[in-house]
Amino acid sequence: MILTDAQLTEQHALIERAKHDPAAFGELFDAHYSMIFNYVVRRTSDVAVAQDITSVVFIRALDNLEKFKWQGAPFSAWLYRIAGNEIRMHYRRHKPLVSLDELAEESGFELVADADLQAELEDAQAAIDRAREYLRAQTAVSRLPIKYQEVLALRFGENKKLGEIATILQKKEGTVKSLLSRALSRLKNDLTNHEMQPFEGSRIMGSEGRTYSNKSQERI
């Protein structure tokens, strides 16, 4: 989602308050939790792992908020970047992660109700269970190098525009476009070799089993 100048200004003010006020950070958490959680679910295909990684993302954000420098980009871009790093670290180490309860204890702000979180987890798991074709596509995606997994997830899972992806990954738009092109080519070859072909009319599986055309209004 692209924020207006007024929304960016309001968000900047909230971030500055959050550097000294746990309640303000709680507002940032509430506004961005579902977005980051769903992104991590799609990257990992594991609800429990996604819950843990998302907790770590917000702990990292809280711990480093004093160092955060406003550059006019949405706060979510920074969170996506942290999430990408934590996903890579998780697959390298598989070390135990911090629970949401520990996040609440350390930060001093209140999380959403347990019932709401449980409902969200169940909805996410149900979406994964329903989308069997998506899961098979995810298996193929998981065989790609991390740099390709990341750019595919942001483009087709999160519906981010090239400029937004470039901001999140801190790369030039041309580089992002090149990464997407190579990622789609490698994924198509992999799926063909494994006798699965979700590309129908140049389409690729997206979140919750939906499909997106790689010939959308924004060329890649």
C-alpha atoms as a PDB file:
ATOM      1  CA  MET A   1       0.000   0.000   0.000  1.00  0.00           C
ATOM      2  CA  ILE A   2       1.345   3.397  -0.987  1.00  0.00           C
ATOM      3  CA  LEU A   3       0.885   6.048   1.702  1.00  0.00           C
ATOM      4  CA  THR A   4      -0.029   9.653   0.985  1.00  0.00           C
ATOM      5  CA  ASP A   5       2.271  12.470   2.076  1.00  0.00           C
ATOM      6  CA  ALA A   6      -0.088  13.214   4.963  1.00  0.00           C
ATOM      7  CA  GLN A   7      -0.028   9.592   6.087  1.00  0.00           C
ATOM      8  CA  LEU A   8       3.755   9.483   5.881  1.00  0.00           C
ATOM      9  CA  THR A   9       4.005  12.644   7.969  1.00  0.00           C
ATOM     10  CA  GLU A  10       1.653  11.154  10.561  1.00  0.00           C
ATOM     11  CA  GLN A  11       3.633   7.911  10.596  1.00  0.00           C
ATOM     12  CA  HIS A  12       6.901   9.797  11.044  1.00  0.00           C
ATOM     13  CA  ALA A  13       5.475  11.572  14.080  1.00  0.00           C
ATOM     14  CA  LEU A  14       4.295   8.249  15.532  1.00  0.00           C
ATOM     15  CA  ILE A  15       7.738   6.705  15.075  1.00  0.00           C
ATOM     16  CA  GLU A  16       9.367   9.608  16.869  1.00  0.00           C
ATOM     17  CA  ARG A  17       6.916   9.219  19.753  1.00  0.00           C
ATOM     18  CA  ALA A  18       7.519   5.462  19.839  1.00  0.00           C
ATOM     19  CA  LYS A  19      11.194   6.056  20.552  1.00  0.00           C
ATOM     20  CA  HIS A  20      10.166   7.179  24.033  1.00  0.00           C
ATOM     21  CA  ASP A  21       6.642   5.842  24.470  1.00  0.00           C
ATOM     22  CA  PRO A  22       5.862   2.065  24.463  1.00  0.00           C
ATOM     23  CA  ALA A  23       2.190   2.796  23.783  1.00  0.00           C
ATOM     24  CA  ALA A  24       3.130   4.500  20.515  1.00  0.00           C
ATOM     25  CA  PHE A  25       5.185   1.474  19.518  1.00  0.00           C
ATOM     26  CA  GLY A  26       2.114  -0.597  20.307  1.00  0.00           C
ATOM     27  CA  GLU A  27       0.262   1.413  17.670  1.00  0.00           C
ATOM     28  CA  LEU A  28       2.976   0.634  15.142  1.00  0.00           C
ATOM     29  CA  PHE A  29       2.788  -3.032  16.112  1.00  0.00           C
ATOM     30  CA  ASP A  30      -1.000  -3.168  15.713  1.00  0.00           C
ATOM     31  CA  ALA A  31      -0.844  -1.412  12.346  1.00  0.00           C
ATOM     32  CA  HIS A  32       1.842  -3.668  10.871  1.00  0.00           C
ATOM     33  CA  TYR A  33       1.619  -7.049  12.605  1.00  0.00           C
ATOM     34  CA  SER A  34      -0.793  -8.741  10.173  1.00  0.00           C
ATOM     35  CA  MET A  35       1.091  -7.440   7.146  1.00  0.00           C
ATOM     36  CA  ILE A  36       4.446  -8.802   8.322  1.00  0.00           C
ATOM     37  CA  PHE A  37       3.001 -12.024   9.739  1.00  0.00           C
ATOM     38  CA  ASN A  38       1.247 -12.859   6.463  1.00  0.00           C
ATOM     39  CA  TYR A  39       4.436 -12.117   4.529  1.00  0.00           C
ATOM     40  CA  VAL A  40       6.446 -14.483   6.735  1.00  0.00           C
ATOM     41  CA  VAL A  41       3.758 -17.174   6.494  1.00  0.00           C
ATOM     42  CA  ARG A  42       3.998 -17.048   2.713  1.00  0.00           C
ATOM     43  CA  ARG A  43       7.790 -17.198   2.857  1.00  0.00           C
ATOM     44  CA  THR A  44       7.942 -20.133   5.286  1.00  0.00           C
ATOM     45  CA  SER A  45       4.625 -21.989   4.761  1.00  0.00           C
ATOM     46  CA  ASP A  46       4.682 -22.666   8.497  1.00  0.00           C
ATOM     47  CA  VAL A  47       2.346 -20.756  10.802  1.00  0.00           C
ATOM     48  CA  ALA A  48       4.223 -21.540  14.025  1.00  0.00           C
ATOM     49  CA  VAL A  49       7.578 -20.517  12.558  1.00  0.00           C
ATOM     50  CA  ALA A  50       5.993 -17.383  11.092  1.00  0.00           C
ATOM     51  CA  GLN A  51       4.604 -16.409  14.493  1.00  0.00           C
ATOM     52  CA  ASP A  52       8.045 -16.736  16.073  1.00  0.00           C
ATOM     53  CA  ILE A  53       9.862 -14.886  13.308  1.00  0.00           C
ATOM     54  CA  THR A  54       7.315 -12.074  13.349  1.00  0.00           C
ATOM     55  CA  SER A  55       7.881 -11.703  17.087  1.00  0.00           C
ATOM     56  CA  VAL A  56      11.610 -11.369  16.485  1.00  0.00           C
ATOM     57  CA  VAL A  57      11.010  -8.792  13.742  1.00  0.00           C
ATOM     58  CA  PHE A  58       9.226  -6.488  16.171  1.00  0.00           C
ATOM     59  CA  ILE A  59      11.792  -7.073  18.907  1.00  0.00           C
ATOM     60  CA  ARG A  60      14.523  -6.070  16.451  1.00  0.00           C
ATOM     61  CA  ALA A  61      12.484  -3.029  15.452  1.00  0.00           C
ATOM     62  CA  LEU A  62      11.956  -2.024  19.070  1.00  0.00           C
ATOM     63  CA  ASP A  63      15.614  -2.531  19.984  1.00  0.00           C
ATOM     64  CA  ASN A  64      16.828  -0.496  17.017  1.00  0.00           C
ATOM     65  CA  LEU A  65      14.158   2.170  16.879  1.00  0.00           C
ATOM     66  CA  GLU A  66      16.513   4.809  18.310  1.00  0.00           C
ATOM     67  CA  LYS A  67      18.806   4.216  15.327  1.00  0.00           C
ATOM     68  CA  PHE A  68      15.976   4.424  12.801  1.00  0.00           C
ATOM     69  CA  LYS A  69      16.450   7.373  10.459  1.00  0.00           C
ATOM     70  CA  TRP A  70      13.423   8.680   8.614  1.00  0.00           C
ATOM     71  CA  GLN A  71      14.059   8.784   4.840  1.00  0.00           C
ATOM     72  CA  GLY A  72      10.517   9.268   3.627  1.00  0.00           C
ATOM     73  CA  ALA A  73       9.799   5.557   3.090  1.00  0.00           C
ATOM     74  CA  PRO A  74       6.948   3.775   4.921  1.00  0.00           C
ATOM     75  CA  PHE A  75       7.836   2.125   8.231  1.00  0.00           C
ATOM     76  CA  SER A  76       6.708  -1.162   6.678  1.00  0.00           C
ATOM     77  CA  ALA A  77       9.678  -1.099   4.278  1.00  0.00           C
ATOM     78  CA  TRP A  78      12.031  -1.296   7.253  1.00  0.00           C
ATOM     79  CA  LEU A  79       9.972  -4.099   8.812  1.00  0.00           C
ATOM     80  CA  TYR A  80       9.957  -6.099   5.564  1.00  0.00           C
ATOM     81  CA  ARG A  81      13.727  -5.725   5.412  1.00  0.00           C
ATOM     82  CA  ILE A  82      14.112  -6.978   8.991  1.00  0.00           C
ATOM     83  CA  ALA A  83      11.731  -9.855   8.239  1.00  0.00           C
ATOM     84  CA  GLY A  84      13.765 -10.877   5.202  1.00  0.00           C
ATOM     85  CA  ASN A  85      16.934 -10.912   7.279  1.00  0.00           C
ATOM     86  CA  GLU A  86      15.296 -12.965  10.037  1.00  0.00           C
ATOM     87  CA  ILE A  87      13.959 -15.497   7.533  1.00  0.00           C
ATOM     88  CA  ARG A  88      17.445 -15.959   6.129  1.00  0.00           C
ATOM     89  CA  MET A  89      18.921 -16.302   9.615  1.00  0.00           C
ATOM     90  CA  HIS A  90      16.236 -18.803  10.599  1.00  0.00           C
ATOM     91  CA  TYR A  91      17.038 -21.089   7.703  1.00  0.00           C
ATOM     92  CA  ARG A  92      20.740 -20.838   8.458  1.00  0.00           C
ATOM     93  CA  ARG A  93      20.514 -21.532  12.171  1.00  0.00           C
ATOM     94  CA  HIS A  94      17.123 -23.001  13.068  1.00  0.00           C
ATOM     95  CA  LYS A  95      17.699 -21.664  16.566  1.00  0.00           C
ATOM     96  CA  PRO A  96      14.774 -21.189  19.012  1.00  0.00           C
ATOM     97  CA  LEU A  97      13.050 -17.846  18.615  1.00  0.00           C
ATOM     98  CA  VAL A  98      11.269 -15.496  21.019  1.00  0.00           C
ATOM     99  CA  SER A  99       7.576 -15.929  21.773  1.00  0.00           C
ATOM    100  CA  LEU A 100       4.941 -13.214  21.476  1.00  0.00           C
ATOM    101  CA  ASP A 101       4.485 -13.308  25.252  1.00  0.00           C
ATOM    102  CA  GLU A 102       8.170 -12.494  25.741  1.00  0.00           C
ATOM    103  CA  LEU A 103       7.810  -9.661  23.229  1.00  0.00           C
ATOM    104  CA  ALA A 104       5.022  -8.147  25.305  1.00  0.00           C
ATOM    105  CA  GLU A 105       7.004  -8.504  28.528  1.00  0.00           C
ATOM    106  CA  GLU A 106      10.140  -6.911  27.099  1.00  0.00           C
ATOM    107  CA  SER A 107       8.468  -4.029  25.273  1.00  0.00           C
ATOM    108  CA  GLY A 108       5.885  -2.826  27.781  1.00  0.00           C
ATOM    109  CA  PHE A 109       2.986  -2.543  25.302  1.00  0.00           C
ATOM    110  CA  GLU A 110      -0.062  -4.771  25.078  1.00  0.00           C
ATOM    111  CA  LEU A 111      -0.525  -7.180  22.207  1.00  0.00           C
ATOM    112  CA  VAL A 112      -3.841  -7.839  20.549  1.00  0.00           C
ATOM    113  CA  ALA A 113      -6.062 -10.279  22.396  1.00  0.00           C
ATOM    114  CA  ASP A 114      -5.026 -13.942  22.401  1.00  0.00           C
ATOM    115  CA  ALA A 115      -8.360 -14.852  20.830  1.00  0.00           C
ATOM    116  CA  ASP A 116      -7.690 -12.475  17.944  1.00  0.00           C
ATOM    117  CA  LEU A 117      -4.206 -13.904  17.438  1.00  0.00           C
ATOM    118  CA  GLN A 118      -5.540 -17.464  17.545  1.00  0.00           C
ATOM    119  CA  ALA A 119      -8.217 -16.618  14.990  1.00  0.00           C
ATOM    120  CA  GLU A 120      -5.583 -15.042  12.765  1.00  0.00           C
ATOM    121  CA  LEU A 121      -3.343 -18.100  13.070  1.00  0.00           C
ATOM    122  CA  GLU A 122      -6.237 -20.414  12.265  1.00  0.00           C
ATOM    123  CA  ASP A 123      -7.220 -18.309   9.249  1.00  0.00           C
ATOM    124  CA  ALA A 124      -3.646 -18.358   7.972  1.00  0.00           C
ATOM    125  CA  GLN A 125      -3.360 -22.116   8.457  1.00  0.00           C
ATOM    126  CA  ALA A 126      -6.713 -22.684   6.746  1.00  0.00           C
ATOM    127  CA  ALA A 127      -5.579 -20.583   3.788  1.00  0.00           C
ATOM    128  CA  ILE A 128      -2.420 -22.663   3.483  1.00  0.00           C
ATOM    129  CA  ASP A 129      -4.357 -25.927   3.745  1.00  0.00           C
ATOM    130  CA  ARG A 130      -6.833 -24.820   1.071  1.00  0.00           C
ATOM    131  CA  ALA A 131      -4.188 -23.723  -1.389  1.00  0.00           C
ATOM    132  CA  ARG A 132      -2.514 -27.018  -2.246  1.00  0.00           C
ATOM    133  CA  GLU A 133      -1.377 -25.805  -5.616  1.00  0.00           C
ATOM    134  CA  TYR A 134       0.115 -22.781  -3.908  1.00  0.00           C
ATOM    135  CA  LEU A 135       2.000 -25.017  -1.480  1.00  0.00           C
ATOM    136  CA  ARG A 136       3.426 -27.046  -4.339  1.00  0.00           C
ATOM    137  CA  ALA A 137       4.503 -23.826  -5.980  1.00  0.00           C
ATOM    138  CA  GLN A 138       6.018 -22.734  -2.661  1.00  0.00           C
ATOM    139  CA  THR A 139       8.085 -25.927  -2.626  1.00  0.00           C
ATOM    140  CA  ALA A 140       9.467 -24.998  -6.012  1.00  0.00           C
ATOM    141  CA  VAL A 141      10.114 -21.444  -4.851  1.00  0.00           C
ATOM    142  CA  SER A 142      11.968 -22.771  -1.792  1.00  0.00           C
ATOM    143  CA  ARG A 143      14.455 -24.440  -4.116  1.00  0.00           C
ATOM    144  CA  LEU A 144      15.449 -21.068  -5.546  1.00  0.00           C
ATOM    145  CA  PRO A 145      18.224 -18.913  -4.048  1.00  0.00           C
ATOM    146  CA  ILE A 146      16.992 -16.659  -1.242  1.00  0.00           C
ATOM    147  CA  LYS A 147      17.399 -13.498  -3.347  1.00  0.00           C
ATOM    148  CA  TYR A 148      14.860 -14.875  -5.831  1.00  0.00           C
ATOM    149  CA  GLN A 149      12.472 -16.132  -3.140  1.00  0.00           C
ATOM    150  CA  GLU A 150      12.437 -12.693  -1.577  1.00  0.00           C
ATOM    151  CA  VAL A 151      11.693 -10.740  -4.718  1.00  0.00           C
ATOM    152  CA  LEU A 152       8.957 -13.180  -5.823  1.00  0.00           C
ATOM    153  CA  ALA A 153       7.294 -13.034  -2.410  1.00  0.00           C
ATOM    154  CA  LEU A 154       7.255  -9.245  -2.403  1.00  0.00           C
ATOM    155  CA  ARG A 155       6.015  -8.916  -5.985  1.00  0.00           C
ATOM    156  CA  PHE A 156       3.382 -11.649  -6.150  1.00  0.00           C
ATOM    157  CA  GLY A 157       2.646 -12.432  -2.506  1.00  0.00           C
ATOM    158  CA  GLU A 158       2.627  -8.862  -1.201  1.00  0.00           C
ATOM    159  CA  ASN A 159       1.609  -7.203  -4.500  1.00  0.00           C
ATOM    160  CA  LYS A 160       4.393  -4.644  -4.147  1.00  0.00           C
ATOM    161  CA  LYS A 161       5.291  -2.399  -7.054  1.00  0.00           C
ATOM    162  CA  LEU A 162       8.848  -2.367  -8.362  1.00  0.00           C
ATOM    163  CA  GLY A 163       9.607   0.928  -6.635  1.00  0.00           C
ATOM    164  CA  GLU A 164       8.377  -0.421  -3.299  1.00  0.00           C
ATOM    165  CA  ILE A 165      10.460  -3.572  -3.656  1.00  0.00           C
ATOM    166  CA  ALA A 166      13.489  -1.469  -4.537  1.00  0.00           C
ATOM    167  CA  THR A 167      12.965   0.549  -1.349  1.00  0.00           C
ATOM    168  CA  ILE A 168      12.567  -2.560   0.817  1.00  0.00           C
ATOM    169  CA  LEU A 169      15.594  -4.343  -0.645  1.00  0.00           C
ATOM    170  CA  GLN A 170      17.613  -1.144  -1.042  1.00  0.00           C
ATOM    171  CA  LYS A 171      18.317  -1.913  -4.688  1.00  0.00           C
ATOM    172  CA  LYS A 172      17.772  -0.046  -7.943  1.00  0.00           C
ATOM    173  CA  GLU A 173      14.517  -0.686  -9.799  1.00  0.00           C
ATOM    174  CA  GLY A 174      16.460  -2.040 -12.758  1.00  0.00           C
ATOM    175  CA  THR A 175      18.129  -4.572 -10.487  1.00  0.00           C
ATOM    176  CA  VAL A 176      14.763  -5.621  -9.069  1.00  0.00           C
ATOM    177  CA  LYS A 177      13.344  -6.022 -12.565  1.00  0.00           C
ATOM    178  CA  SER A 178      16.315  -8.187 -13.541  1.00  0.00           C
ATOM    179  CA  LEU A 179      15.972 -10.316 -10.395  1.00  0.00           C
ATOM    180  CA  LEU A 180      12.275 -10.875 -11.089  1.00  0.00           C
ATOM    181  CA  SER A 181      12.922 -11.869 -14.684  1.00  0.00           C
ATOM    182  CA  ARG A 182      15.608 -14.387 -13.701  1.00  0.00           C
ATOM    183  CA  ALA A 183      13.520 -15.688 -10.789  1.00  0.00           C
ATOM    184  CA  LEU A 184      10.471 -16.319 -13.000  1.00  0.00           C
ATOM    185  CA  SER A 185      12.595 -18.018 -15.628  1.00  0.00           C
ATOM    186  CA  ARG A 186      14.263 -20.321 -13.108  1.00  0.00           C
ATOM    187  CA  LEU A 187      10.980 -21.080 -11.366  1.00  0.00           C
ATOM    188  CA  LYS A 188       9.252 -21.952 -14.627  1.00  0.00           C
ATOM    189  CA  ASN A 189      12.093 -24.299 -15.588  1.00  0.00           C
ATOM    190  CA  ASP A 190      12.025 -25.936 -12.160  1.00  0.00           C
ATOM    191  CA  LEU A 191       8.257 -26.470 -12.245  1.00  0.00           C
ATOM    192  CA  THR A 192       8.437 -27.862 -15.766  1.00  0.00           C
ATOM    193  CA  ASN A 193      11.134 -30.313 -14.718  1.00  0.00           C
ATOM    194  CA  HIS A 194       8.990 -31.443 -11.789  1.00  0.00           C
ATOM    195  CA  GLU A 195       5.924 -31.888 -14.026  1.00  0.00           C
ATOM    196  CA  MET A 196       3.988 -29.027 -12.475  1.00  0.00           C
ATOM    197  CA  GLN A 197       2.941 -26.039 -14.515  1.00  0.00           C
ATOM    198  CA  PRO A 198       1.091 -23.257 -12.652  1.00  0.00           C
ATOM    199  CA  PHE A 199       2.004 -20.834 -15.416  1.00  0.00           C
ATOM    200  CA  GLU A 200      -1.129 -20.468 -17.477  1.00  0.00           C
ATOM    201  CA  GLY A 201      -1.061 -17.549 -19.833  1.00  0.00           C
ATOM    202  CA  SER A 202       2.088 -16.266 -18.136  1.00  0.00           C
ATOM    203  CA  ARG A 203       0.568 -16.433 -14.658  1.00  0.00           C
ATOM    204  CA  ILE A 204       2.146 -17.364 -11.358  1.00  0.00           C
ATOM    205  CA  MET A 205       0.588 -18.609  -8.160  1.00  0.00           C
ATOM    206  CA  GLY A 206       0.138 -15.917  -5.529  1.00  0.00           C
ATOM    207  CA  SER A 207      -1.026 -15.753  -1.942  1.00  0.00           C
ATOM    208  CA  GLU A 208      -3.927 -18.005  -0.888  1.00  0.00           C
ATOM    209  CA  GLY A 209      -3.904 -19.789  -4.231  1.00  0.00           C
ATOM    210  CA  ARG A 210      -4.660 -16.714  -6.318  1.00  0.00           C
ATOM    211  CA  THR A 211      -2.806 -16.127  -9.556  1.00  0.00           C
ATOM    212  CA  TYR A 212      -1.159 -12.996 -10.854  1.00  0.00           C
ATOM    213  CA  SER A 213      -0.068 -12.209 -14.369  1.00  0.00           C
ATOM    214  CA  ASN A 214       3.569 -11.321 -14.924  1.00  0.00           C
ATOM    215  CA  LYS A 215       2.304  -9.118 -17.733  1.00  0.00           C
ATOM    216  CA  SER A 216       0.394  -6.787 -15.456  1.00  0.00           C
ATOM    217  CA  GLN A 217       0.156  -3.038 -15.905  1.00  0.00           C
ATOM    218  CA  GLU A 218       3.585  -2.711 -14.360  1.00  0.00           C
ATOM    219  CA  ARG A 219       5.965  -4.550 -16.640  1.00  0.00           C
ATOM    220  CA  ILE A 220       8.733  -6.579 -15.057  1.00  0.00           C
END
